[in-house]
């Protein structure tokens, strides 16, 4: 079959985007999803995103990791909003539904502000923090992020959690409200250039453990710069927004 696709990236976190409003894509076939994500034999991406119709929202976003597993993806959500605008489904704001529930987003000159889920599942451990921000995230502070073995340590920690495991974020504090982040993503099984749910988890974890008192956190990642803001009341984080660029790269067709 021939698949029309669009390629988008958000701070280097890249996705194969497919307009599936006609429901022609065989989404139960994880081999096709993995093939599309393959950087040598397919299009190449961290994940595949389908846009479908929804009766209660502007659209439905379905996200697949490179291994075919489903979850929510923050940068993918921002790219889905940009793609929906390209398809003329939305204009400058939207309400859409995804794996973890409904989301609101705004578009301003290529910058997408995406409202994330409220976060109240936060577990503080001896040397790390676990938070659920639409998917599972382990957060750990390190001293020298440039030389840190993100792949090796990330893979080890990822599988130390029970099924479905956890994404693993290593953060280095730059100043009072800036934390540089590198992330090993489950499903991709490698370090990615950015992770939206990951930087959201880092921002909340750093606030929860009093590493920062700010509710507006700058988060440099390998692929650019992201920003997370939130409100906090009695340990519950609400009005959580992930902000950053989402860019169209190219479009094409692939035979699978």
C-alpha atoms as a PDB file:
ATOM      1  CA  UNK A   1       0.000   0.000   0.000  1.00  0.00           C
ATOM      2  CA  UNK A   2       1.034   3.636  -0.574  1.00  0.00           C
ATOM      3  CA  UNK A   3       1.012   5.933   2.473  1.00  0.00           C
ATOM      4  CA  UNK A   4       0.980   9.715   2.237  1.00  0.00           C
ATOM      5  CA  UNK A   5       2.921  11.189   5.157  1.00  0.00           C
ATOM      6  CA  UNK A   6       4.189  14.454   6.574  1.00  0.00           C
ATOM      7  CA  UNK A   7       7.338  14.801   8.642  1.00  0.00           C
ATOM      8  CA  UNK A   8       7.349  17.183  11.636  1.00  0.00           C
ATOM      9  CA  UNK A   9       9.829  17.859  14.419  1.00  0.00           C
ATOM     10  CA  UNK A  10       9.618  19.614  17.771  1.00  0.00           C
ATOM     11  CA  UNK A  11      13.106  20.493  19.098  1.00  0.00           C
ATOM     12  CA  UNK A  12      14.472  17.490  17.209  1.00  0.00           C
ATOM     13  CA  UNK A  13      11.843  15.026  18.471  1.00  0.00           C
ATOM     14  CA  UNK A  14      10.609  13.893  15.045  1.00  0.00           C
ATOM     15  CA  UNK A  15       7.415  12.240  13.859  1.00  0.00           C
ATOM     16  CA  UNK A  16       5.770  10.711  10.816  1.00  0.00           C
ATOM     17  CA  UNK A  17       2.346  12.381  10.646  1.00  0.00           C
ATOM     18  CA  UNK A  18      -0.575  10.737   8.841  1.00  0.00           C
ATOM     19  CA  UNK A  19      -4.020  12.137   8.090  1.00  0.00           C
ATOM     20  CA  UNK A  20      -6.160   9.133   9.014  1.00  0.00           C
ATOM     21  CA  UNK A  21      -9.568  10.801   9.008  1.00  0.00           C
ATOM     22  CA  UNK A  22     -10.635   8.294   6.334  1.00  0.00           C
ATOM     23  CA  UNK A  23      -9.346   5.474   8.613  1.00  0.00           C
ATOM     24  CA  UNK A  24      -7.336   3.734   5.909  1.00  0.00           C
ATOM     25  CA  UNK A  25      -4.119   3.301   7.904  1.00  0.00           C
ATOM     26  CA  UNK A  26      -3.651  -0.250   9.336  1.00  0.00           C
ATOM     27  CA  UNK A  27      -2.835   0.919  12.870  1.00  0.00           C
ATOM     28  CA  UNK A  28      -2.997  -2.607  14.295  1.00  0.00           C
ATOM     29  CA  UNK A  29       0.068  -3.473  12.179  1.00  0.00           C
ATOM     30  CA  UNK A  30       2.999  -2.554  14.412  1.00  0.00           C
ATOM     31  CA  UNK A  31       5.477  -3.796  11.768  1.00  0.00           C
ATOM     32  CA  UNK A  32       4.409  -0.962   9.456  1.00  0.00           C
ATOM     33  CA  UNK A  33       4.776   1.566  12.277  1.00  0.00           C
ATOM     34  CA  UNK A  34       8.281   0.312  13.090  1.00  0.00           C
ATOM     35  CA  UNK A  35       9.177   0.355   9.388  1.00  0.00           C
ATOM     36  CA  UNK A  36       8.054   3.973   9.009  1.00  0.00           C
ATOM     37  CA  UNK A  37      10.225   4.963  11.990  1.00  0.00           C
ATOM     38  CA  UNK A  38      13.296   3.066  10.774  1.00  0.00           C
ATOM     39  CA  UNK A  39      15.977   5.632   9.930  1.00  0.00           C
ATOM     40  CA  UNK A  40      17.707   3.319   7.423  1.00  0.00           C
ATOM     41  CA  UNK A  41      14.837   1.588   5.616  1.00  0.00           C
ATOM     42  CA  UNK A  42      11.819   3.828   6.312  1.00  0.00           C
ATOM     43  CA  UNK A  43      11.073   7.525   6.683  1.00  0.00           C
ATOM     44  CA  UNK A  44      12.857   7.796  10.028  1.00  0.00           C
ATOM     45  CA  UNK A  45      11.227   9.118  13.202  1.00  0.00           C
ATOM     46  CA  UNK A  46      10.838   8.729  16.963  1.00  0.00           C
ATOM     47  CA  UNK A  47       7.150   7.910  16.487  1.00  0.00           C
ATOM     48  CA  UNK A  48       4.093   7.859  14.242  1.00  0.00           C
ATOM     49  CA  UNK A  49       1.097  10.150  14.815  1.00  0.00           C
ATOM     50  CA  UNK A  50      -2.345   9.654  13.302  1.00  0.00           C
ATOM     51  CA  UNK A  51      -4.910  12.457  13.122  1.00  0.00           C
ATOM     52  CA  UNK A  52      -8.503  11.208  13.194  1.00  0.00           C
ATOM     53  CA  UNK A  53     -11.972  12.731  13.550  1.00  0.00           C
ATOM     54  CA  UNK A  54     -13.618  12.941  16.965  1.00  0.00           C
ATOM     55  CA  UNK A  55     -17.221  13.850  17.766  1.00  0.00           C
ATOM     56  CA  UNK A  56     -16.437  15.887  20.899  1.00  0.00           C
ATOM     57  CA  UNK A  57     -13.099  17.477  19.980  1.00  0.00           C
ATOM     58  CA  UNK A  58     -11.436  19.129  16.995  1.00  0.00           C
ATOM     59  CA  UNK A  59      -9.479  15.943  16.333  1.00  0.00           C
ATOM     60  CA  UNK A  60      -8.094  12.786  17.887  1.00  0.00           C
ATOM     61  CA  UNK A  61      -4.344  12.226  18.159  1.00  0.00           C
ATOM     62  CA  UNK A  62      -3.081   8.645  18.217  1.00  0.00           C
ATOM     63  CA  UNK A  63       0.609   8.290  19.027  1.00  0.00           C
ATOM     64  CA  UNK A  64       2.761   5.215  18.467  1.00  0.00           C
ATOM     65  CA  UNK A  65       6.322   4.802  19.691  1.00  0.00           C
ATOM     66  CA  UNK A  66       8.782   3.376  17.193  1.00  0.00           C
ATOM     67  CA  UNK A  67       8.088  -0.112  18.568  1.00  0.00           C
ATOM     68  CA  UNK A  68       4.336   0.241  17.974  1.00  0.00           C
ATOM     69  CA  UNK A  69       3.348   0.820  21.620  1.00  0.00           C
ATOM     70  CA  UNK A  70       0.824   3.578  22.340  1.00  0.00           C
ATOM     71  CA  UNK A  71       1.226   6.393  24.845  1.00  0.00           C
ATOM     72  CA  UNK A  72       1.082  10.195  24.961  1.00  0.00           C
ATOM     73  CA  UNK A  73       3.886  12.379  23.650  1.00  0.00           C
ATOM     74  CA  UNK A  74       4.176  16.075  24.526  1.00  0.00           C
ATOM     75  CA  UNK A  75       6.298  17.163  21.576  1.00  0.00           C
ATOM     76  CA  UNK A  76       4.192  14.890  19.401  1.00  0.00           C
ATOM     77  CA  UNK A  77       1.096  16.651  20.696  1.00  0.00           C
ATOM     78  CA  UNK A  78       2.550  20.018  19.747  1.00  0.00           C
ATOM     79  CA  UNK A  79       3.418  18.705  16.271  1.00  0.00           C
ATOM     80  CA  UNK A  80      -0.071  17.215  15.949  1.00  0.00           C
ATOM     81  CA  UNK A  81      -1.525  20.679  16.573  1.00  0.00           C
ATOM     82  CA  UNK A  82       0.721  22.203  13.898  1.00  0.00           C
ATOM     83  CA  UNK A  83      -0.253  19.403  11.494  1.00  0.00           C
ATOM     84  CA  UNK A  84      -3.969  19.902  12.236  1.00  0.00           C
ATOM     85  CA  UNK A  85      -3.532  23.559  11.365  1.00  0.00           C
ATOM     86  CA  UNK A  86      -1.849  22.611   8.086  1.00  0.00           C
ATOM     87  CA  UNK A  87      -4.843  20.369   7.324  1.00  0.00           C
ATOM     88  CA  UNK A  88      -7.183  23.320   8.073  1.00  0.00           C
ATOM     89  CA  UNK A  89      -8.815  21.401  10.941  1.00  0.00           C
ATOM     90  CA  UNK A  90      -7.953  24.162  13.435  1.00  0.00           C
ATOM     91  CA  UNK A  91      -6.796  27.782  13.368  1.00  0.00           C
ATOM     92  CA  UNK A  92      -4.928  29.334  16.299  1.00  0.00           C
ATOM     93  CA  UNK A  93      -6.312  27.262  19.171  1.00  0.00           C
ATOM     94  CA  UNK A  94      -7.734  23.791  19.612  1.00  0.00           C
ATOM     95  CA  UNK A  95      -9.146  21.185  21.942  1.00  0.00           C
ATOM     96  CA  UNK A  96      -8.169  17.637  21.016  1.00  0.00           C
ATOM     97  CA  UNK A  97      -8.235  14.185  22.584  1.00  0.00           C
ATOM     98  CA  UNK A  98      -5.247  11.894  23.069  1.00  0.00           C
ATOM     99  CA  UNK A  99      -4.151   8.743  24.916  1.00  0.00           C
ATOM    100  CA  UNK A 100      -4.127  10.484  28.314  1.00  0.00           C
ATOM    101  CA  UNK A 101      -7.283  12.569  27.841  1.00  0.00           C
ATOM    102  CA  UNK A 102      -8.266  15.994  26.440  1.00  0.00           C
ATOM    103  CA  UNK A 103      -5.756  18.759  25.710  1.00  0.00           C
ATOM    104  CA  UNK A 104      -5.962  22.459  24.891  1.00  0.00           C
ATOM    105  CA  UNK A 105      -3.334  24.192  22.761  1.00  0.00           C
ATOM    106  CA  UNK A 106      -2.584  27.590  21.256  1.00  0.00           C
ATOM    107  CA  UNK A 107      -0.481  28.475  18.215  1.00  0.00           C
ATOM    108  CA  UNK A 108       1.515  31.714  17.968  1.00  0.00           C
ATOM    109  CA  UNK A 109       3.998  32.172  15.098  1.00  0.00           C
ATOM    110  CA  UNK A 110       5.086  28.530  15.063  1.00  0.00           C
ATOM    111  CA  UNK A 111       5.291  28.240  18.857  1.00  0.00           C
ATOM    112  CA  UNK A 112       2.815  25.748  20.321  1.00  0.00           C
ATOM    113  CA  UNK A 113       1.661  26.028  23.943  1.00  0.00           C
ATOM    114  CA  UNK A 114       0.157  22.689  24.928  1.00  0.00           C
ATOM    115  CA  UNK A 115      -1.784  22.151  28.129  1.00  0.00           C
ATOM    116  CA  UNK A 116      -0.683  18.917  29.763  1.00  0.00           C
ATOM    117  CA  UNK A 117      -2.624  16.774  32.227  1.00  0.00           C
ATOM    118  CA  UNK A 118      -2.732  17.702  35.920  1.00  0.00           C
ATOM    119  CA  UNK A 119       0.085  15.959  37.771  1.00  0.00           C
ATOM    120  CA  UNK A 120      -0.421  14.481  41.234  1.00  0.00           C
ATOM    121  CA  UNK A 121       1.416  11.161  40.906  1.00  0.00           C
ATOM    122  CA  UNK A 122       4.872  12.172  42.145  1.00  0.00           C
ATOM    123  CA  UNK A 123       7.112   9.785  44.093  1.00  0.00           C
ATOM    124  CA  UNK A 124      10.264  11.135  45.700  1.00  0.00           C
ATOM    125  CA  UNK A 125      13.009   8.528  46.080  1.00  0.00           C
ATOM    126  CA  UNK A 126      16.501   8.720  47.555  1.00  0.00           C
ATOM    127  CA  UNK A 127      18.244   9.910  44.377  1.00  0.00           C
ATOM    128  CA  UNK A 128      15.399  10.359  41.921  1.00  0.00           C
ATOM    129  CA  UNK A 129      11.792  11.385  41.369  1.00  0.00           C
ATOM    130  CA  UNK A 130       9.057   9.503  39.500  1.00  0.00           C
ATOM    131  CA  UNK A 131       6.191  11.418  37.899  1.00  0.00           C
ATOM    132  CA  UNK A 132       3.366  10.550  35.520  1.00  0.00           C
ATOM    133  CA  UNK A 133       2.936  13.366  32.990  1.00  0.00           C
ATOM    134  CA  UNK A 134       0.937  11.490  30.356  1.00  0.00           C
ATOM    135  CA  UNK A 135       3.456   8.671  30.464  1.00  0.00           C
ATOM    136  CA  UNK A 136       5.954   7.367  33.033  1.00  0.00           C
ATOM    137  CA  UNK A 137       9.089   9.391  33.839  1.00  0.00           C
ATOM    138  CA  UNK A 138      12.117   8.857  36.072  1.00  0.00           C
ATOM    139  CA  UNK A 139      14.029  12.081  36.851  1.00  0.00           C
ATOM    140  CA  UNK A 140      17.579  12.177  38.185  1.00  0.00           C
ATOM    141  CA  UNK A 141      19.947  15.113  38.778  1.00  0.00           C
ATOM    142  CA  UNK A 142      23.542  14.738  37.554  1.00  0.00           C
ATOM    143  CA  UNK A 143      26.590  17.012  37.682  1.00  0.00           C
ATOM    144  CA  UNK A 144      28.052  16.775  34.182  1.00  0.00           C
ATOM    145  CA  UNK A 145      25.405  16.071  31.566  1.00  0.00           C
ATOM    146  CA  UNK A 146      27.822  16.361  28.635  1.00  0.00           C
ATOM    147  CA  UNK A 147      29.801  13.291  29.688  1.00  0.00           C
ATOM    148  CA  UNK A 148      26.992  11.327  31.334  1.00  0.00           C
ATOM    149  CA  UNK A 149      26.299   7.860  29.808  1.00  0.00           C
ATOM    150  CA  UNK A 150      22.636   8.591  29.033  1.00  0.00           C
ATOM    151  CA  UNK A 151      22.060   5.524  26.842  1.00  0.00           C
ATOM    152  CA  UNK A 152      23.698   2.977  29.151  1.00  0.00           C
ATOM    153  CA  UNK A 153      22.257   4.290  32.434  1.00  0.00           C
ATOM    154  CA  UNK A 154      18.921   5.156  30.864  1.00  0.00           C
ATOM    155  CA  UNK A 155      18.448   1.657  29.498  1.00  0.00           C
ATOM    156  CA  UNK A 156      19.365   0.134  32.862  1.00  0.00           C
ATOM    157  CA  UNK A 157      16.892   2.308  34.797  1.00  0.00           C
ATOM    158  CA  UNK A 158      14.154   2.010  32.154  1.00  0.00           C
ATOM    159  CA  UNK A 159      13.946  -1.763  32.695  1.00  0.00           C
ATOM    160  CA  UNK A 160      14.192  -1.511  36.491  1.00  0.00           C
ATOM    161  CA  UNK A 161      10.554  -0.358  36.505  1.00  0.00           C
ATOM    162  CA  UNK A 162       7.709  -2.833  36.137  1.00  0.00           C
ATOM    163  CA  UNK A 163       5.905  -3.080  32.809  1.00  0.00           C
ATOM    164  CA  UNK A 164       5.570  -0.795  30.841  1.00  0.00           C
ATOM    165  CA  UNK A 165       8.796   0.596  32.287  1.00  0.00           C
ATOM    166  CA  UNK A 166       9.709   4.270  32.448  1.00  0.00           C
ATOM    167  CA  UNK A 167      11.308   6.986  30.376  1.00  0.00           C
ATOM    168  CA  UNK A 168      14.486   8.228  32.041  1.00  0.00           C
ATOM    169  CA  UNK A 169      15.526  11.886  32.291  1.00  0.00           C
ATOM    170  CA  UNK A 170      18.898  13.150  33.446  1.00  0.00           C
ATOM    171  CA  UNK A 171      18.946  16.833  34.371  1.00  0.00           C
ATOM    172  CA  UNK A 172      21.654  19.330  35.239  1.00  0.00           C
ATOM    173  CA  UNK A 173      20.769  22.548  37.041  1.00  0.00           C
ATOM    174  CA  UNK A 174      22.081  25.604  35.187  1.00  0.00           C
ATOM    175  CA  UNK A 175      20.576  28.345  37.376  1.00  0.00           C
ATOM    176  CA  UNK A 176      17.585  28.987  39.636  1.00  0.00           C
ATOM    177  CA  UNK A 177      15.002  28.270  36.935  1.00  0.00           C
ATOM    178  CA  UNK A 178      16.927  26.490  34.153  1.00  0.00           C
ATOM    179  CA  UNK A 179      17.582  22.755  33.901  1.00  0.00           C
ATOM    180  CA  UNK A 180      19.277  21.109  30.948  1.00  0.00           C
ATOM    181  CA  UNK A 181      17.764  17.706  30.117  1.00  0.00           C
ATOM    182  CA  UNK A 182      18.718  14.549  28.218  1.00  0.00           C
ATOM    183  CA  UNK A 183      16.201  11.710  27.915  1.00  0.00           C
ATOM    184  CA  UNK A 184      16.231   7.982  27.194  1.00  0.00           C
ATOM    185  CA  UNK A 185      12.794   7.102  25.795  1.00  0.00           C
ATOM    186  CA  UNK A 186      11.117   3.740  26.181  1.00  0.00           C
ATOM    187  CA  UNK A 187       9.512   2.566  22.957  1.00  0.00           C
ATOM    188  CA  UNK A 188      12.264   4.316  21.029  1.00  0.00           C
ATOM    189  CA  UNK A 189      14.849   2.539  23.233  1.00  0.00           C
ATOM    190  CA  UNK A 190      17.394   5.258  22.717  1.00  0.00           C
ATOM    191  CA  UNK A 191      18.201   8.841  23.639  1.00  0.00           C
ATOM    192  CA  UNK A 192      16.069  11.340  21.730  1.00  0.00           C
ATOM    193  CA  UNK A 193      16.880  14.987  21.012  1.00  0.00           C
ATOM    194  CA  UNK A 194      13.928  16.093  23.163  1.00  0.00           C
ATOM    195  CA  UNK A 195      11.010  14.726  25.170  1.00  0.00           C
ATOM    196  CA  UNK A 196       8.049  16.948  26.028  1.00  0.00           C
ATOM    197  CA  UNK A 197       6.524  14.796  28.749  1.00  0.00           C
ATOM    198  CA  UNK A 198      10.077  14.337  30.034  1.00  0.00           C
ATOM    199  CA  UNK A 199      10.903  18.017  30.470  1.00  0.00           C
ATOM    200  CA  UNK A 200       7.470  18.457  32.057  1.00  0.00           C
ATOM    201  CA  UNK A 201       8.388  15.763  34.583  1.00  0.00           C
ATOM    202  CA  UNK A 202      11.765  17.416  35.216  1.00  0.00           C
ATOM    203  CA  UNK A 203      10.213  20.847  35.811  1.00  0.00           C
ATOM    204  CA  UNK A 204       7.690  19.458  38.272  1.00  0.00           C
ATOM    205  CA  UNK A 205      10.242  17.212  40.006  1.00  0.00           C
ATOM    206  CA  UNK A 206      12.661  20.106  40.495  1.00  0.00           C
ATOM    207  CA  UNK A 207       9.894  22.252  41.990  1.00  0.00           C
ATOM    208  CA  UNK A 208       8.629  19.397  44.161  1.00  0.00           C
ATOM    209  CA  UNK A 209      12.114  18.796  45.614  1.00  0.00           C
ATOM    210  CA  UNK A 210      12.765  22.548  46.164  1.00  0.00           C
ATOM    211  CA  UNK A 211      15.543  22.804  43.584  1.00  0.00           C
ATOM    212  CA  UNK A 212      13.600  25.771  42.232  1.00  0.00           C
ATOM    213  CA  UNK A 213      10.830  28.003  43.515  1.00  0.00           C
ATOM    214  CA  UNK A 214       9.884  29.242  40.061  1.00  0.00           C
ATOM    215  CA  UNK A 215       6.731  28.073  38.283  1.00  0.00           C
ATOM    216  CA  UNK A 216       8.225  28.948  34.881  1.00  0.00           C
ATOM    217  CA  UNK A 217      11.107  26.635  34.012  1.00  0.00           C
ATOM    218  CA  UNK A 218      13.491  26.879  31.036  1.00  0.00           C
ATOM    219  CA  UNK A 219      14.575  23.467  29.756  1.00  0.00           C
ATOM    220  CA  UNK A 220      17.358  23.322  27.149  1.00  0.00           C
ATOM    221  CA  UNK A 221      17.404  19.934  25.381  1.00  0.00           C
ATOM    222  CA  UNK A 222      19.710  18.481  22.733  1.00  0.00           C
ATOM    223  CA  UNK A 223      17.411  19.720  19.944  1.00  0.00           C
ATOM    224  CA  UNK A 224      16.621  23.225  21.180  1.00  0.00           C
ATOM    225  CA  UNK A 225      14.746  24.923  23.999  1.00  0.00           C
ATOM    226  CA  UNK A 226      11.462  24.109  25.729  1.00  0.00           C
ATOM    227  CA  UNK A 227       9.583  25.826  28.532  1.00  0.00           C
ATOM    228  CA  UNK A 228       7.189  24.512  31.177  1.00  0.00           C
ATOM    229  CA  UNK A 229       4.884  26.569  33.397  1.00  0.00           C
ATOM    230  CA  UNK A 230       2.423  25.430  36.051  1.00  0.00           C
ATOM    231  CA  UNK A 231       0.414  26.222  39.155  1.00  0.00           C
ATOM    232  CA  UNK A 232       0.879  24.219  42.362  1.00  0.00           C
ATOM    233  CA  UNK A 233      -1.515  23.743  45.258  1.00  0.00           C
ATOM    234  CA  UNK A 234      -1.054  21.162  48.026  1.00  0.00           C
ATOM    235  CA  UNK A 235       1.279  19.094  45.890  1.00  0.00           C
ATOM    236  CA  UNK A 236      -1.007  18.992  42.854  1.00  0.00           C
ATOM    237  CA  UNK A 237       0.260  20.620  39.664  1.00  0.00           C
ATOM    238  CA  UNK A 238      -2.370  22.186  37.412  1.00  0.00           C
ATOM    239  CA  UNK A 239      -2.404  24.547  34.418  1.00  0.00           C
ATOM    240  CA  UNK A 240       0.706  22.744  33.200  1.00  0.00           C
ATOM    241  CA  UNK A 241       1.819  24.098  29.821  1.00  0.00           C
ATOM    242  CA  UNK A 242       4.587  22.802  27.559  1.00  0.00           C
ATOM    243  CA  UNK A 243       5.792  25.469  25.142  1.00  0.00           C
ATOM    244  CA  UNK A 244       8.120  25.257  22.166  1.00  0.00           C
ATOM    245  CA  UNK A 245       8.445  25.146  18.379  1.00  0.00           C
ATOM    246  CA  UNK A 246       6.865  22.588  16.054  1.00  0.00           C
ATOM    247  CA  UNK A 247       8.065  22.600  12.456  1.00  0.00           C
ATOM    248  CA  UNK A 248       7.070  20.962   9.191  1.00  0.00           C
ATOM    249  CA  UNK A 249      10.073  19.251   7.575  1.00  0.00           C
ATOM    250  CA  UNK A 250       8.847  17.537   4.390  1.00  0.00           C
ATOM    251  CA  UNK A 251       6.061  15.391   2.963  1.00  0.00           C
ATOM    252  CA  UNK A 252       6.044  12.384   0.664  1.00  0.00           C
ATOM    253  CA  UNK A 253       4.755   8.929  -0.120  1.00  0.00           C
ATOM    254  CA  UNK A 254       6.122   5.555   0.911  1.00  0.00           C
ATOM    255  CA  UNK A 255       5.162   2.084  -0.273  1.00  0.00           C
ATOM    256  CA  UNK A 256       4.885  -0.520   2.504  1.00  0.00           C
END
